[in-house]
Amino acid sequence: MMWQPSADTIAEARMTDFMQRINLDFGLALANYHDLHAWSVDHSAEFWRYLWNYLEVMGDPGTTTVTGQEKMPGATWFPQAQLNFAENLLRYNDDRTAIVFRGEDGSREAISYQELHRQVAAVAYQFKQHGIKKGDRVAAMMPNCIETIVAMLATTSLGAIWSSCSPDFGVQGVLDRFGQIEPKYF
């Protein structure tokens, strides 16, 4: 079996790369996580704008990075930002693993980004056929599983609003929750 780096190793390498790029671009000499954290607190607007770009967030961050940062909590980050998180979550379309589901019974199911794209596109197409568009509300009573994530991504990819709850909420709980949002499609 070939060695695979752990998630912690990958995260540490990514953090190191991020810190080195900040050092290079801002003429700094940050040496460790504590230095990076201190700089991020003292230069929060620069830090968060840089992170947006470093992570290649798809969308428009707007011109303002933060307002009200003098009171925490209370700051507003990227108040003019416009993005679709489904677009960001679906940025890859290859055979890498996108989702791993683990059931309470110990079952395991995995889906690739390519398959996730295919399923999201199929569900989004059906939602369009039912007239779902930006701003509409879609609700579903579904368990925590891959199909629920697919339906959520299909909904949000259209600019619609997703709400779901587990079947164990019971009939009254489901009716109360969905009655508040008045879904167009249930």
C-alpha atoms as a PDB file:
ATOM      1  CA  MET A   1       0.000   0.000   0.000  1.00  0.00           C
ATOM      2  CA  MET A   2       1.323   3.425  -0.947  1.00  0.00           C
ATOM      3  CA  TRP A   3       1.892   5.988   1.817  1.00  0.00           C
ATOM      4  CA  GLN A   4      -0.719   8.748   1.941  1.00  0.00           C
ATOM      5  CA  PRO A   5      -0.117  11.943   3.918  1.00  0.00           C
ATOM      6  CA  SER A   6      -2.520  12.546   6.783  1.00  0.00           C
ATOM      7  CA  ALA A   7      -4.999  15.402   6.760  1.00  0.00           C
ATOM      8  CA  ASP A   8      -2.926  17.045   9.518  1.00  0.00           C
ATOM      9  CA  THR A   9       0.242  16.825   7.403  1.00  0.00           C
ATOM     10  CA  ILE A  10      -1.531  18.337   4.410  1.00  0.00           C
ATOM     11  CA  ALA A  11      -3.030  21.139   6.527  1.00  0.00           C
ATOM     12  CA  GLU A  12       0.369  21.925   8.072  1.00  0.00           C
ATOM     13  CA  ALA A  13       2.016  22.071   4.638  1.00  0.00           C
ATOM     14  CA  ARG A  14      -0.731  24.351   3.350  1.00  0.00           C
ATOM     15  CA  MET A  15      -0.413  26.624   6.403  1.00  0.00           C
ATOM     16  CA  THR A  16       3.365  26.804   5.912  1.00  0.00           C
ATOM     17  CA  ASP A  17       2.933  27.680   2.230  1.00  0.00           C
ATOM     18  CA  PHE A  18       0.376  30.362   3.113  1.00  0.00           C
ATOM     19  CA  MET A  19       2.699  31.880   5.727  1.00  0.00           C
ATOM     20  CA  GLN A  20       5.667  31.844   3.332  1.00  0.00           C
ATOM     21  CA  ARG A  21       3.635  33.619   0.656  1.00  0.00           C
ATOM     22  CA  ILE A  22       2.554  36.268   3.167  1.00  0.00           C
ATOM     23  CA  ASN A  23       6.195  36.712   4.180  1.00  0.00           C
ATOM     24  CA  LEU A  24       7.200  37.149   0.554  1.00  0.00           C
ATOM     25  CA  ASP A  25       4.352  39.445  -0.498  1.00  0.00           C
ATOM     26  CA  PHE A  26       4.362  41.629   2.639  1.00  0.00           C
ATOM     27  CA  GLY A  27       8.125  41.573   3.354  1.00  0.00           C
ATOM     28  CA  LEU A  28       7.634  39.827   6.703  1.00  0.00           C
ATOM     29  CA  ALA A  29       9.518  37.156   8.629  1.00  0.00           C
ATOM     30  CA  LEU A  30       6.699  35.181  10.269  1.00  0.00           C
ATOM     31  CA  ALA A  31       8.273  32.012  11.659  1.00  0.00           C
ATOM     32  CA  ASN A  32       5.385  29.981  13.075  1.00  0.00           C
ATOM     33  CA  TYR A  33       1.655  29.750  13.633  1.00  0.00           C
ATOM     34  CA  HIS A  34       1.751  32.144  16.603  1.00  0.00           C
ATOM     35  CA  ASP A  35       3.467  34.803  14.478  1.00  0.00           C
ATOM     36  CA  LEU A  36       0.901  34.319  11.717  1.00  0.00           C
ATOM     37  CA  HIS A  37      -1.962  34.546  14.207  1.00  0.00           C
ATOM     38  CA  ALA A  38      -0.589  37.751  15.738  1.00  0.00           C
ATOM     39  CA  TRP A  39      -0.175  39.305  12.281  1.00  0.00           C
ATOM     40  CA  SER A  40      -3.715  38.242  11.302  1.00  0.00           C
ATOM     41  CA  VAL A  41      -5.117  40.008  14.379  1.00  0.00           C
ATOM     42  CA  ASP A  42      -3.068  43.174  13.875  1.00  0.00           C
ATOM     43  CA  HIS A  43      -3.726  43.284  10.105  1.00  0.00           C
ATOM     44  CA  SER A  44      -7.088  41.561   9.876  1.00  0.00           C
ATOM     45  CA  ALA A  45      -8.313  43.198   6.662  1.00  0.00           C
ATOM     46  CA  GLU A  46      -5.099  42.374   4.815  1.00  0.00           C
ATOM     47  CA  PHE A  47      -5.080  38.833   6.220  1.00  0.00           C
ATOM     48  CA  TRP A  48      -8.638  37.994   5.216  1.00  0.00           C
ATOM     49  CA  ARG A  49      -8.346  39.568   1.740  1.00  0.00           C
ATOM     50  CA  TYR A  50      -5.128  37.629   1.208  1.00  0.00           C
ATOM     51  CA  LEU A  51      -6.775  34.389   2.413  1.00  0.00           C
ATOM     52  CA  TRP A  52      -9.723  34.920   0.015  1.00  0.00           C
ATOM     53  CA  ASN A  53      -7.267  35.170  -2.871  1.00  0.00           C
ATOM     54  CA  TYR A  54      -4.981  32.378  -1.641  1.00  0.00           C
ATOM     55  CA  LEU A  55      -7.888  29.944  -1.363  1.00  0.00           C
ATOM     56  CA  GLU A  56      -9.109  31.073  -4.799  1.00  0.00           C
ATOM     57  CA  VAL A  57     -12.640  31.660  -3.570  1.00  0.00           C
ATOM     58  CA  MET A  58     -14.876  31.964  -6.613  1.00  0.00           C
ATOM     59  CA  GLY A  59     -16.983  35.100  -6.421  1.00  0.00           C
ATOM     60  CA  ASP A  60     -16.682  38.826  -5.934  1.00  0.00           C
ATOM     61  CA  PRO A  61     -15.304  39.845  -2.523  1.00  0.00           C
ATOM     62  CA  GLY A  62     -16.394  43.467  -2.969  1.00  0.00           C
ATOM     63  CA  THR A  63     -14.209  46.424  -2.073  1.00  0.00           C
ATOM     64  CA  THR A  64     -14.623  46.290   1.713  1.00  0.00           C
ATOM     65  CA  THR A  65     -13.025  43.471   3.683  1.00  0.00           C
ATOM     66  CA  VAL A  66     -14.316  44.233   7.176  1.00  0.00           C
ATOM     67  CA  THR A  67     -16.520  46.746   8.968  1.00  0.00           C
ATOM     68  CA  GLY A  68     -17.031  47.133  12.693  1.00  0.00           C
ATOM     69  CA  GLN A  69     -13.911  45.175  13.588  1.00  0.00           C
ATOM     70  CA  GLU A  70     -13.380  47.271  16.706  1.00  0.00           C
ATOM     71  CA  LYS A  71     -16.105  45.235  18.422  1.00  0.00           C
ATOM     72  CA  MET A  72     -15.773  41.483  18.456  1.00  0.00           C
ATOM     73  CA  PRO A  73     -18.154  39.891  18.037  1.00  0.00           C
ATOM     74  CA  GLY A  74     -19.851  42.345  15.778  1.00  0.00           C
ATOM     75  CA  ALA A  75     -17.526  42.655  12.813  1.00  0.00           C
ATOM     76  CA  THR A  76     -18.923  42.103   9.334  1.00  0.00           C
ATOM     77  CA  TRP A  77     -16.573  40.352   6.939  1.00  0.00           C
ATOM     78  CA  PHE A  78     -16.796  40.978   3.183  1.00  0.00           C
ATOM     79  CA  PRO A  79     -20.131  42.816   3.481  1.00  0.00           C
ATOM     80  CA  GLN A  80     -20.408  43.310  -0.307  1.00  0.00           C
ATOM     81  CA  ALA A  81     -19.287  39.786  -1.228  1.00  0.00           C
ATOM     82  CA  GLN A  82     -21.280  37.795  -3.715  1.00  0.00           C
ATOM     83  CA  LEU A  83     -20.605  34.120  -4.185  1.00  0.00           C
ATOM     84  CA  ASN A  84     -22.349  30.833  -4.662  1.00  0.00           C
ATOM     85  CA  PHE A  85     -20.937  28.275  -2.272  1.00  0.00           C
ATOM     86  CA  ALA A  86     -22.188  25.414  -4.474  1.00  0.00           C
ATOM     87  CA  GLU A  87     -19.947  26.760  -7.237  1.00  0.00           C
ATOM     88  CA  ASN A  88     -17.029  26.753  -4.803  1.00  0.00           C
ATOM     89  CA  LEU A  89     -17.778  23.257  -3.499  1.00  0.00           C
ATOM     90  CA  LEU A  90     -18.119  21.945  -7.051  1.00  0.00           C
ATOM     91  CA  ARG A  91     -14.941  23.576  -8.367  1.00  0.00           C
ATOM     92  CA  TYR A  92     -13.407  20.173  -9.100  1.00  0.00           C
ATOM     93  CA  ASN A  93     -14.744  17.684 -11.633  1.00  0.00           C
ATOM     94  CA  ASP A  94     -12.445  14.685 -11.469  1.00  0.00           C
ATOM     95  CA  ASP A  95     -12.132  11.271  -9.869  1.00  0.00           C
ATOM     96  CA  ARG A  96     -10.939  12.534  -6.462  1.00  0.00           C
ATOM     97  CA  THR A  97     -13.202  11.731  -3.537  1.00  0.00           C
ATOM     98  CA  ALA A  98     -15.664  14.546  -2.853  1.00  0.00           C
ATOM     99  CA  ILE A  99     -17.767  13.026  -0.062  1.00  0.00           C
ATOM    100  CA  VAL A 100     -17.414  10.049   2.234  1.00  0.00           C
ATOM    101  CA  PHE A 101     -20.588   9.000   4.028  1.00  0.00           C
ATOM    102  CA  ARG A 102     -20.495   6.840   7.129  1.00  0.00           C
ATOM    103  CA  GLY A 103     -23.776   5.360   8.304  1.00  0.00           C
ATOM    104  CA  GLU A 104     -24.729   4.639  11.883  1.00  0.00           C
ATOM    105  CA  ASP A 105     -24.632   0.952  10.957  1.00  0.00           C
ATOM    106  CA  GLY A 106     -20.972   1.242   9.944  1.00  0.00           C
ATOM    107  CA  SER A 107     -21.669   1.380   6.220  1.00  0.00           C
ATOM    108  CA  ARG A 108     -19.437   3.533   4.038  1.00  0.00           C
ATOM    109  CA  GLU A 109     -20.207   5.204   0.727  1.00  0.00           C
ATOM    110  CA  ALA A 110     -17.938   7.509  -1.262  1.00  0.00           C
ATOM    111  CA  ILE A 111     -18.602   9.669  -4.294  1.00  0.00           C
ATOM    112  CA  SER A 112     -16.137  11.375  -6.647  1.00  0.00           C
ATOM    113  CA  TYR A 113     -16.334  15.005  -7.705  1.00  0.00           C
ATOM    114  CA  GLN A 114     -17.183  13.841 -11.223  1.00  0.00           C
ATOM    115  CA  GLU A 115     -20.115  11.754  -9.992  1.00  0.00           C
ATOM    116  CA  LEU A 116     -21.175  14.543  -7.643  1.00  0.00           C
ATOM    117  CA  HIS A 117     -21.244  16.946 -10.616  1.00  0.00           C
ATOM    118  CA  ARG A 118     -23.344  14.516 -12.627  1.00  0.00           C
ATOM    119  CA  GLN A 119     -25.866  13.987  -9.842  1.00  0.00           C
ATOM    120  CA  VAL A 120     -26.111  17.694  -8.928  1.00  0.00           C
ATOM    121  CA  ALA A 121     -26.655  18.617 -12.598  1.00  0.00           C
ATOM    122  CA  ALA A 122     -29.421  16.001 -12.937  1.00  0.00           C
ATOM    123  CA  VAL A 123     -31.257  17.197  -9.819  1.00  0.00           C
ATOM    124  CA  ALA A 124     -30.779  20.883 -10.748  1.00  0.00           C
ATOM    125  CA  TYR A 125     -32.267  20.119 -14.167  1.00  0.00           C
ATOM    126  CA  GLN A 126     -35.337  18.563 -12.526  1.00  0.00           C
ATOM    127  CA  PHE A 127     -35.684  21.545 -10.185  1.00  0.00           C
ATOM    128  CA  LYS A 128     -35.567  23.886 -13.203  1.00  0.00           C
ATOM    129  CA  GLN A 129     -38.291  21.788 -14.846  1.00  0.00           C
ATOM    130  CA  HIS A 130     -40.408  22.483 -11.748  1.00  0.00           C
ATOM    131  CA  GLY A 131     -39.767  26.227 -12.047  1.00  0.00           C
ATOM    132  CA  ILE A 132     -37.228  26.590  -9.220  1.00  0.00           C
ATOM    133  CA  LYS A 133     -35.182  29.769  -9.613  1.00  0.00           C
ATOM    134  CA  LYS A 134     -33.050  32.192  -7.623  1.00  0.00           C
ATOM    135  CA  GLY A 135     -34.648  33.143  -4.312  1.00  0.00           C
ATOM    136  CA  ASP A 136     -37.131  30.254  -4.242  1.00  0.00           C
ATOM    137  CA  ARG A 137     -37.192  28.033  -1.182  1.00  0.00           C
ATOM    138  CA  VAL A 138     -36.814  24.264  -1.404  1.00  0.00           C
ATOM    139  CA  ALA A 139     -37.417  22.017   1.604  1.00  0.00           C
ATOM    140  CA  ALA A 140     -36.808  18.332   2.136  1.00  0.00           C
ATOM    141  CA  MET A 141     -37.249  15.814   4.902  1.00  0.00           C
ATOM    142  CA  MET A 142     -34.174  13.664   4.328  1.00  0.00           C
ATOM    143  CA  PRO A 143     -31.597  11.883   6.458  1.00  0.00           C
ATOM    144  CA  ASN A 144     -27.958  12.983   6.605  1.00  0.00           C
ATOM    145  CA  CYS A 145     -26.652  11.246   3.472  1.00  0.00           C
ATOM    146  CA  ILE A 146     -25.026  11.919   0.107  1.00  0.00           C
ATOM    147  CA  GLU A 147     -28.387  12.377  -1.633  1.00  0.00           C
ATOM    148  CA  THR A 148     -29.249  15.194   0.760  1.00  0.00           C
ATOM    149  CA  ILE A 149     -26.001  16.981  -0.043  1.00  0.00           C
ATOM    150  CA  VAL A 150     -26.684  16.510  -3.764  1.00  0.00           C
ATOM    151  CA  ALA A 151     -30.151  18.052  -3.410  1.00  0.00           C
ATOM    152  CA  MET A 152     -28.766  20.960  -1.352  1.00  0.00           C
ATOM    153  CA  LEU A 153     -26.024  21.668  -3.922  1.00  0.00           C
ATOM    154  CA  ALA A 154     -28.520  21.459  -6.792  1.00  0.00           C
ATOM    155  CA  THR A 155     -30.804  23.921  -5.004  1.00  0.00           C
ATOM    156  CA  THR A 156     -28.097  26.413  -4.126  1.00  0.00           C
ATOM    157  CA  SER A 157     -26.451  26.125  -7.560  1.00  0.00           C
ATOM    158  CA  LEU A 158     -29.652  27.698  -8.899  1.00  0.00           C
ATOM    159  CA  GLY A 159     -29.526  30.468  -6.303  1.00  0.00           C
ATOM    160  CA  ALA A 160     -32.456  28.983  -4.419  1.00  0.00           C
ATOM    161  CA  ILE A 161     -32.591  28.544  -0.643  1.00  0.00           C
ATOM    162  CA  TRP A 162     -32.335  25.069   0.887  1.00  0.00           C
ATOM    163  CA  SER A 163     -33.838  23.862   4.136  1.00  0.00           C
ATOM    164  CA  SER A 164     -33.920  20.318   5.384  1.00  0.00           C
ATOM    165  CA  CYS A 165     -34.604  18.321   8.472  1.00  0.00           C
ATOM    166  CA  SER A 166     -34.197  14.728   9.438  1.00  0.00           C
ATOM    167  CA  PRO A 167     -37.204  12.389   9.500  1.00  0.00           C
ATOM    168  CA  ASP A 168     -36.672  11.954  13.239  1.00  0.00           C
ATOM    169  CA  PHE A 169     -38.000  15.506  13.754  1.00  0.00           C
ATOM    170  CA  GLY A 170     -41.471  14.004  13.619  1.00  0.00           C
ATOM    171  CA  VAL A 171     -44.421  15.262  11.596  1.00  0.00           C
ATOM    172  CA  GLN A 172     -45.155  18.322  13.754  1.00  0.00           C
ATOM    173  CA  GLY A 173     -41.494  19.353  13.901  1.00  0.00           C
ATOM    174  CA  VAL A 174     -41.222  19.134  10.110  1.00  0.00           C
ATOM    175  CA  LEU A 175     -44.440  21.102   9.591  1.00  0.00           C
ATOM    176  CA  ASP A 176     -43.340  23.792  12.075  1.00  0.00           C
ATOM    177  CA  ARG A 177     -39.934  24.192  10.482  1.00  0.00           C
ATOM    178  CA  PHE A 178     -41.073  24.219   6.869  1.00  0.00           C
ATOM    179  CA  GLY A 179     -44.113  26.358   7.655  1.00  0.00           C
ATOM    180  CA  GLN A 180     -41.737  29.179   8.619  1.00  0.00           C
ATOM    181  CA  ILE A 181     -40.028  29.298   5.230  1.00  0.00           C
ATOM    182  CA  GLU A 182     -43.033  28.555   2.994  1.00  0.00           C
ATOM    183  CA  PRO A 183     -41.146  26.431   0.448  1.00  0.00           C
ATOM    184  CA  LYS A 184     -42.043  26.565  -3.225  1.00  0.00           C
ATOM    185  CA  TYR A 185     -40.995  22.956  -3.610  1.00  0.00           C
ATOM    186  CA  PHE A 186     -41.164  20.238  -0.951  1.00  0.00           C
END
